N, C-alpha and C. Protein backbone atom coordinates (compact mmCIF):
# COMPACT_ATOMS: atom_id res chain seq x y z
N MET A 1 20.41 93.86 57.68
CA MET A 1 20.67 92.71 57.68
C MET A 1 20.49 92.48 59.12
N ILE A 2 19.48 91.03 59.55
CA ILE A 2 19.12 90.90 60.85
C ILE A 2 19.89 89.57 61.25
N MET A 3 20.34 89.40 62.12
CA MET A 3 21.39 88.30 62.86
C MET A 3 20.62 87.43 63.94
N THR A 4 20.60 86.42 63.32
CA THR A 4 19.92 85.84 64.38
C THR A 4 20.71 84.71 65.29
N GLY A 5 20.19 84.41 66.18
CA GLY A 5 20.94 83.45 67.38
C GLY A 5 21.42 82.04 66.86
N ARG A 6 22.06 81.46 67.26
CA ARG A 6 23.01 80.01 67.09
C ARG A 6 22.02 79.06 66.51
N GLY A 7 20.84 79.06 67.32
CA GLY A 7 20.24 77.97 67.14
C GLY A 7 18.95 78.25 66.63
N SER A 8 18.65 79.03 65.87
CA SER A 8 17.42 79.70 65.12
C SER A 8 17.29 78.75 64.56
N TYR A 9 18.20 78.36 63.46
CA TYR A 9 17.75 77.15 62.71
C TYR A 9 16.76 76.08 62.87
N HIS A 10 16.78 75.60 64.32
CA HIS A 10 15.88 74.43 64.69
C HIS A 10 14.70 75.05 65.14
N ASN A 11 14.42 76.54 64.82
CA ASN A 11 13.09 76.90 65.17
C ASN A 11 12.29 77.13 64.18
N ARG A 12 12.95 76.88 63.26
CA ARG A 12 11.91 76.83 62.03
C ARG A 12 11.30 75.73 61.96
N PRO A 13 10.05 76.03 61.19
CA PRO A 13 8.82 75.03 61.06
C PRO A 13 9.83 73.71 59.97
N THR A 14 10.37 74.25 59.03
CA THR A 14 10.91 73.07 58.15
C THR A 14 11.73 72.26 58.74
N ALA A 15 12.72 72.53 59.67
CA ALA A 15 13.66 72.04 60.50
C ALA A 15 13.13 70.62 61.46
N MET A 16 12.00 71.09 61.85
CA MET A 16 11.13 69.97 62.38
C MET A 16 10.90 68.62 61.48
N GLN A 17 10.43 69.04 60.33
CA GLN A 17 10.11 68.21 59.25
C GLN A 17 11.14 67.12 58.77
N ARG A 18 12.48 67.66 58.99
CA ARG A 18 13.80 66.79 58.13
C ARG A 18 13.76 65.43 58.80
N PRO A 19 14.05 64.14 58.10
CA PRO A 19 13.97 63.05 58.64
C PRO A 19 14.90 62.82 59.55
N GLU A 20 16.21 63.24 59.26
CA GLU A 20 17.17 62.99 60.69
C GLU A 20 16.88 64.15 61.71
N ARG A 21 16.29 64.86 62.04
CA ARG A 21 16.10 65.42 62.77
C ARG A 21 15.17 64.92 63.93
N ASP A 22 14.57 63.32 63.43
CA ASP A 22 13.88 62.40 64.41
C ASP A 22 14.62 61.64 65.08
N PRO A 23 14.80 61.78 66.21
CA PRO A 23 15.72 60.75 66.96
C PRO A 23 15.69 59.00 66.96
N ALA A 24 14.56 58.76 66.51
CA ALA A 24 14.40 57.49 66.46
C ALA A 24 14.61 57.27 64.90
N ARG A 25 14.04 57.60 64.27
CA ARG A 25 14.62 57.42 62.58
C ARG A 25 15.98 57.41 62.44
N ALA A 26 16.78 58.67 63.33
CA ALA A 26 18.58 58.65 62.85
C ALA A 26 18.97 57.33 64.04
N GLN A 27 18.55 56.74 64.32
CA GLN A 27 18.70 55.78 65.09
C GLN A 27 18.85 54.44 64.55
N ILE A 28 17.54 54.19 63.78
CA ILE A 28 17.38 53.00 62.72
C ILE A 28 18.15 53.36 61.54
N PHE A 29 18.33 54.53 61.13
CA PHE A 29 19.40 54.52 59.92
C PHE A 29 21.05 54.19 60.15
N LYS A 30 21.01 54.86 61.39
CA LYS A 30 22.64 54.45 61.67
C LYS A 30 22.82 53.47 62.13
N LYS A 31 21.74 52.19 62.59
CA LYS A 31 21.94 50.99 62.91
C LYS A 31 22.04 49.92 61.43
N ASN A 32 21.44 50.39 60.49
CA ASN A 32 21.03 49.82 59.27
C ASN A 32 22.62 50.32 58.25
N LYS A 33 22.87 51.49 58.51
CA LYS A 33 24.48 52.28 57.67
C LYS A 33 25.60 51.12 58.47
N LYS A 34 25.48 50.60 59.63
CA LYS A 34 26.60 50.05 59.57
C LYS A 34 26.58 48.82 58.84
N ILE A 35 25.32 48.09 58.85
CA ILE A 35 25.16 46.90 58.20
C ILE A 35 25.30 46.67 56.71
N ILE A 36 25.15 47.84 55.97
CA ILE A 36 24.96 47.94 54.98
C ILE A 36 26.79 48.44 54.47
N LEU A 37 27.37 49.08 55.14
CA LEU A 37 28.82 49.58 55.43
C LEU A 37 29.82 47.95 55.35
N ALA A 38 29.07 47.05 56.14
CA ALA A 38 29.51 45.71 56.36
C ALA A 38 29.64 45.01 55.41
N THR A 39 28.28 44.88 54.72
CA THR A 39 27.82 43.83 53.66
C THR A 39 28.06 43.87 52.43
N GLN A 40 28.45 45.52 51.98
CA GLN A 40 28.05 45.80 50.48
C GLN A 40 29.25 45.64 50.12
N SER A 41 30.00 45.76 48.97
CA SER A 41 31.08 46.19 48.46
C SER A 41 31.02 47.09 46.71
N VAL A 42 29.68 46.82 46.55
CA VAL A 42 29.73 47.55 45.06
C VAL A 42 29.11 48.57 44.97
N CYS A 43 29.32 49.68 44.35
CA CYS A 43 28.04 50.77 44.41
C CYS A 43 26.70 50.46 43.35
N GLY A 44 25.79 50.58 44.35
CA GLY A 44 24.70 50.17 43.75
C GLY A 44 24.19 51.28 42.91
N ILE A 45 24.84 52.09 42.42
CA ILE A 45 24.21 53.15 41.06
C ILE A 45 25.10 52.80 40.30
N CYS A 46 26.48 52.74 40.18
CA CYS A 46 27.08 52.52 39.27
C CYS A 46 27.54 51.26 38.91
N GLY A 47 27.62 50.38 40.47
CA GLY A 47 28.40 48.98 40.31
C GLY A 47 29.63 48.65 39.99
N GLN A 48 30.35 49.31 40.27
CA GLN A 48 32.01 49.64 40.23
C GLN A 48 32.11 49.45 42.04
N PRO A 49 33.44 48.60 42.36
CA PRO A 49 33.84 48.16 43.88
C PRO A 49 33.96 49.96 44.37
N VAL A 50 33.52 49.57 46.02
CA VAL A 50 33.98 50.74 46.38
C VAL A 50 34.74 50.61 47.63
N ASP A 51 35.76 51.64 47.45
CA ASP A 51 36.92 51.73 48.71
C ASP A 51 36.58 51.84 49.75
N LYS A 52 36.40 51.07 50.60
CA LYS A 52 36.00 51.76 52.40
C LYS A 52 37.00 52.09 52.98
N THR A 53 38.05 52.35 52.30
CA THR A 53 39.17 53.13 53.16
C THR A 53 39.08 54.55 52.79
N LEU A 54 38.59 54.81 51.70
CA LEU A 54 38.53 56.21 51.16
C LEU A 54 37.63 57.13 52.82
N LYS A 55 38.17 58.29 52.71
CA LYS A 55 37.08 59.31 53.68
C LYS A 55 36.69 59.92 52.69
N TYR A 56 35.60 60.89 53.57
CA TYR A 56 35.09 61.85 53.47
C TYR A 56 36.11 63.08 53.23
N PRO A 57 36.38 64.16 52.44
CA PRO A 57 35.24 64.42 51.45
C PRO A 57 35.57 63.93 49.85
N ASP A 58 36.30 62.55 49.78
CA ASP A 58 36.67 62.04 48.58
C ASP A 58 35.85 61.80 47.68
N PRO A 59 35.56 61.87 45.97
CA PRO A 59 34.34 61.82 45.80
C PRO A 59 34.15 60.26 45.49
N MET A 60 35.17 59.44 45.77
CA MET A 60 34.69 57.83 45.82
C MET A 60 34.59 57.36 47.32
N SER A 61 34.57 58.23 48.18
CA SER A 61 34.27 57.55 49.53
C SER A 61 32.78 56.92 49.58
N PRO A 62 32.69 55.93 50.64
CA PRO A 62 31.50 54.99 50.81
C PRO A 62 30.36 56.26 51.45
N THR A 63 29.43 56.25 50.74
CA THR A 63 27.95 56.78 51.51
C THR A 63 26.79 55.60 51.44
N VAL A 64 25.88 55.60 52.21
CA VAL A 64 24.48 54.95 52.06
C VAL A 64 23.68 55.82 51.05
N ASP A 65 22.99 55.23 49.89
CA ASP A 65 22.35 55.90 49.13
C ASP A 65 20.79 55.38 49.99
N HIS A 66 19.82 56.23 49.85
CA HIS A 66 18.39 55.76 49.94
C HIS A 66 17.83 55.40 48.24
N ILE A 67 17.53 54.29 48.19
CA ILE A 67 17.07 54.09 46.91
C ILE A 67 16.09 54.89 46.37
N ILE A 68 14.59 54.78 47.29
CA ILE A 68 13.60 55.37 47.12
C ILE A 68 14.00 56.80 48.20
N PRO A 69 14.53 58.05 47.78
CA PRO A 69 14.82 59.26 48.59
C PRO A 69 14.06 59.49 49.24
N CYS A 70 14.52 60.00 50.83
CA CYS A 70 13.24 60.49 51.49
C CYS A 70 12.68 61.56 51.18
N ALA A 71 13.29 62.34 50.36
CA ALA A 71 12.14 63.86 49.65
C ALA A 71 10.74 63.07 49.05
N ARG A 72 11.37 61.70 48.74
CA ARG A 72 9.83 60.95 48.08
C ARG A 72 9.48 59.83 48.56
N GLY A 73 9.38 59.70 49.94
CA GLY A 73 8.89 59.05 50.81
C GLY A 73 9.44 58.17 51.46
N GLY A 74 10.76 57.67 50.95
CA GLY A 74 11.37 56.38 51.17
C GLY A 74 11.65 56.53 52.86
N SER A 75 11.90 55.43 53.26
CA SER A 75 12.42 54.80 54.46
C SER A 75 13.96 54.99 54.99
N ASP A 76 14.15 54.14 56.02
CA ASP A 76 15.75 53.92 56.33
C ASP A 76 15.68 52.54 56.68
N GLU A 77 14.88 51.54 56.08
CA GLU A 77 14.83 50.37 56.60
C GLU A 77 15.66 49.77 55.66
N LEU A 78 16.38 48.45 55.63
CA LEU A 78 17.50 47.77 54.50
C LEU A 78 17.49 47.64 53.42
N ASP A 79 15.94 47.30 53.32
CA ASP A 79 15.75 47.15 51.51
C ASP A 79 15.86 48.32 50.82
N ASN A 80 15.62 49.94 51.49
CA ASN A 80 15.69 50.91 50.47
C ASN A 80 16.94 51.57 50.87
N LEU A 81 18.05 51.10 50.92
CA LEU A 81 19.08 51.10 51.58
C LEU A 81 20.37 50.27 50.45
N GLN A 82 21.39 51.18 50.32
CA GLN A 82 22.43 50.52 49.19
C GLN A 82 23.55 51.06 49.33
N LEU A 83 24.80 50.70 49.02
CA LEU A 83 26.00 51.27 49.35
C LEU A 83 26.10 52.11 47.90
N ALA A 84 27.04 53.29 48.20
CA ALA A 84 26.89 53.87 47.09
C ALA A 84 28.48 54.81 46.98
N HIS A 85 29.48 55.09 45.85
CA HIS A 85 30.22 56.17 45.82
C HIS A 85 29.61 57.43 46.60
N ARG A 86 30.12 58.50 46.85
CA ARG A 86 29.70 59.50 47.34
C ARG A 86 29.39 60.62 46.28
N TYR A 87 30.36 60.16 45.21
CA TYR A 87 30.27 61.06 44.06
C TYR A 87 28.66 60.63 43.07
N CYS A 88 28.69 59.40 43.07
CA CYS A 88 27.43 58.41 42.31
C CYS A 88 26.15 58.96 42.95
N ASN A 89 25.97 59.02 44.39
CA ASN A 89 24.68 59.38 45.56
C ASN A 89 24.55 60.99 44.95
N ARG A 90 25.46 61.66 44.86
CA ARG A 90 25.31 63.40 44.89
C ARG A 90 24.62 63.52 43.75
N ASN A 91 25.30 62.57 42.70
CA ASN A 91 24.91 62.86 41.06
C ASN A 91 23.53 62.59 41.00
N LYS A 92 22.91 60.75 41.91
CA LYS A 92 21.21 60.70 41.75
C LYS A 92 20.48 61.49 42.28
N SER A 93 21.24 62.44 43.45
CA SER A 93 20.42 63.15 44.26
C SER A 93 19.22 62.56 44.77
N ASP A 94 17.81 63.38 44.33
CA ASP A 94 16.25 62.57 44.68
C ASP A 94 15.97 62.17 43.97
N ASN A 95 16.46 61.43 42.70
CA ASN A 95 16.03 60.88 41.44
C ASN A 95 15.26 59.44 41.71
N MET A 96 14.23 58.81 41.12
CA MET A 96 14.37 57.48 41.53
C MET A 96 14.74 56.29 40.67
N PRO A 97 14.74 55.39 40.93
CA PRO A 97 15.78 54.78 39.95
C PRO A 97 15.21 54.61 38.56
N ASP A 98 13.97 54.68 37.85
CA ASP A 98 13.50 54.53 36.86
C ASP A 98 13.18 56.27 36.36
N ASP A 99 14.04 57.27 36.46
CA ASP A 99 13.30 58.74 36.43
C ASP A 99 14.61 58.61 34.78
N LYS A 100 14.36 58.88 34.19
CA LYS A 100 15.30 58.97 33.01
C LYS A 100 14.55 60.61 32.34
N LYS A 101 15.48 61.49 32.64
CA LYS A 101 15.61 62.89 32.14
C LYS A 101 16.14 63.08 30.75
N PRO A 102 15.77 63.45 29.76
CA PRO A 102 16.84 64.00 29.05
C PRO A 102 18.11 64.94 29.38
N GLY A 103 19.32 64.33 28.76
CA GLY A 103 20.03 65.65 29.17
C GLY A 103 20.92 65.39 30.48
N ALA A 104 20.33 64.90 31.58
CA ALA A 104 20.37 64.30 32.75
C ALA A 104 21.85 63.69 33.09
N SER A 105 22.17 64.07 33.73
CA SER A 105 23.77 63.52 33.82
C SER A 105 23.71 62.09 34.57
N VAL A 106 22.68 62.22 35.33
CA VAL A 106 22.20 61.39 36.16
C VAL A 106 22.60 59.73 35.36
N ILE A 107 23.38 59.14 36.27
CA ILE A 107 23.71 57.67 35.26
C ILE A 107 23.07 56.40 36.11
N ILE A 108 21.83 55.99 36.12
CA ILE A 108 21.28 54.80 36.79
C ILE A 108 21.54 53.94 36.07
N ASN A 109 22.49 52.48 35.81
CA ASN A 109 22.62 51.49 35.05
C ASN A 109 21.77 50.33 35.92
N ASP A 110 21.53 49.59 34.87
CA ASP A 110 20.52 48.05 34.92
C ASP A 110 20.92 46.94 35.54
N PHE A 111 22.21 47.29 36.61
CA PHE A 111 23.10 45.99 37.48
C PHE A 111 22.05 44.92 38.07
N PRO A 112 22.32 43.87 38.15
CA PRO A 112 22.00 42.61 39.02
C PRO A 112 21.26 43.49 40.59
N GLN A 113 22.30 44.07 41.05
CA GLN A 113 21.10 44.33 42.16
C GLN A 113 20.43 46.06 42.11
N SER A 114 20.09 46.47 41.17
CA SER A 114 19.13 47.44 40.54
C SER A 114 17.82 46.85 40.49
N CYS A 115 16.76 47.39 40.93
CA CYS A 115 15.27 46.80 40.21
C CYS A 115 14.63 48.03 40.52
N ASN A 116 13.25 47.92 40.00
CA ASN A 116 12.35 49.26 40.17
C ASN A 116 11.57 49.28 41.04
N TRP A 117 12.03 49.71 42.11
CA TRP A 117 11.43 49.83 43.75
C TRP A 117 10.07 50.22 43.58
N ARG A 118 9.59 51.17 42.51
CA ARG A 118 7.90 51.41 42.28
C ARG A 118 6.98 50.69 42.55
N THR A 119 7.74 49.16 41.74
CA THR A 119 6.84 48.14 41.51
C THR A 119 6.82 47.13 42.43
N THR A 120 7.96 47.05 43.66
CA THR A 120 8.30 45.95 44.17
C THR A 120 7.31 46.12 45.52
């Protein structure tokens, strides 16, 4: 087994393609995350209240979810972000709001704050 140096991950071509590696995009997300955490109180995925006093790694701690995932071309703008429980966000993964796969464990409810973001 060949051991590589500590910074070798950053030398991989795919590491530079990740959105969070772009300082400008990371700054926009950080600013918008603060706004989402300050203004929303209900999980955009399950519709239940989010307790903002819970901290990571609690599964019910607050996170910010990309409605259209970055992996599918979603942006870090406010209209693509919503508050979510960590558990709900992890289960949603990179699925779209209207993805309905038979037997999937992802539950995406039709609450008033949800909409079909592909057609909006």
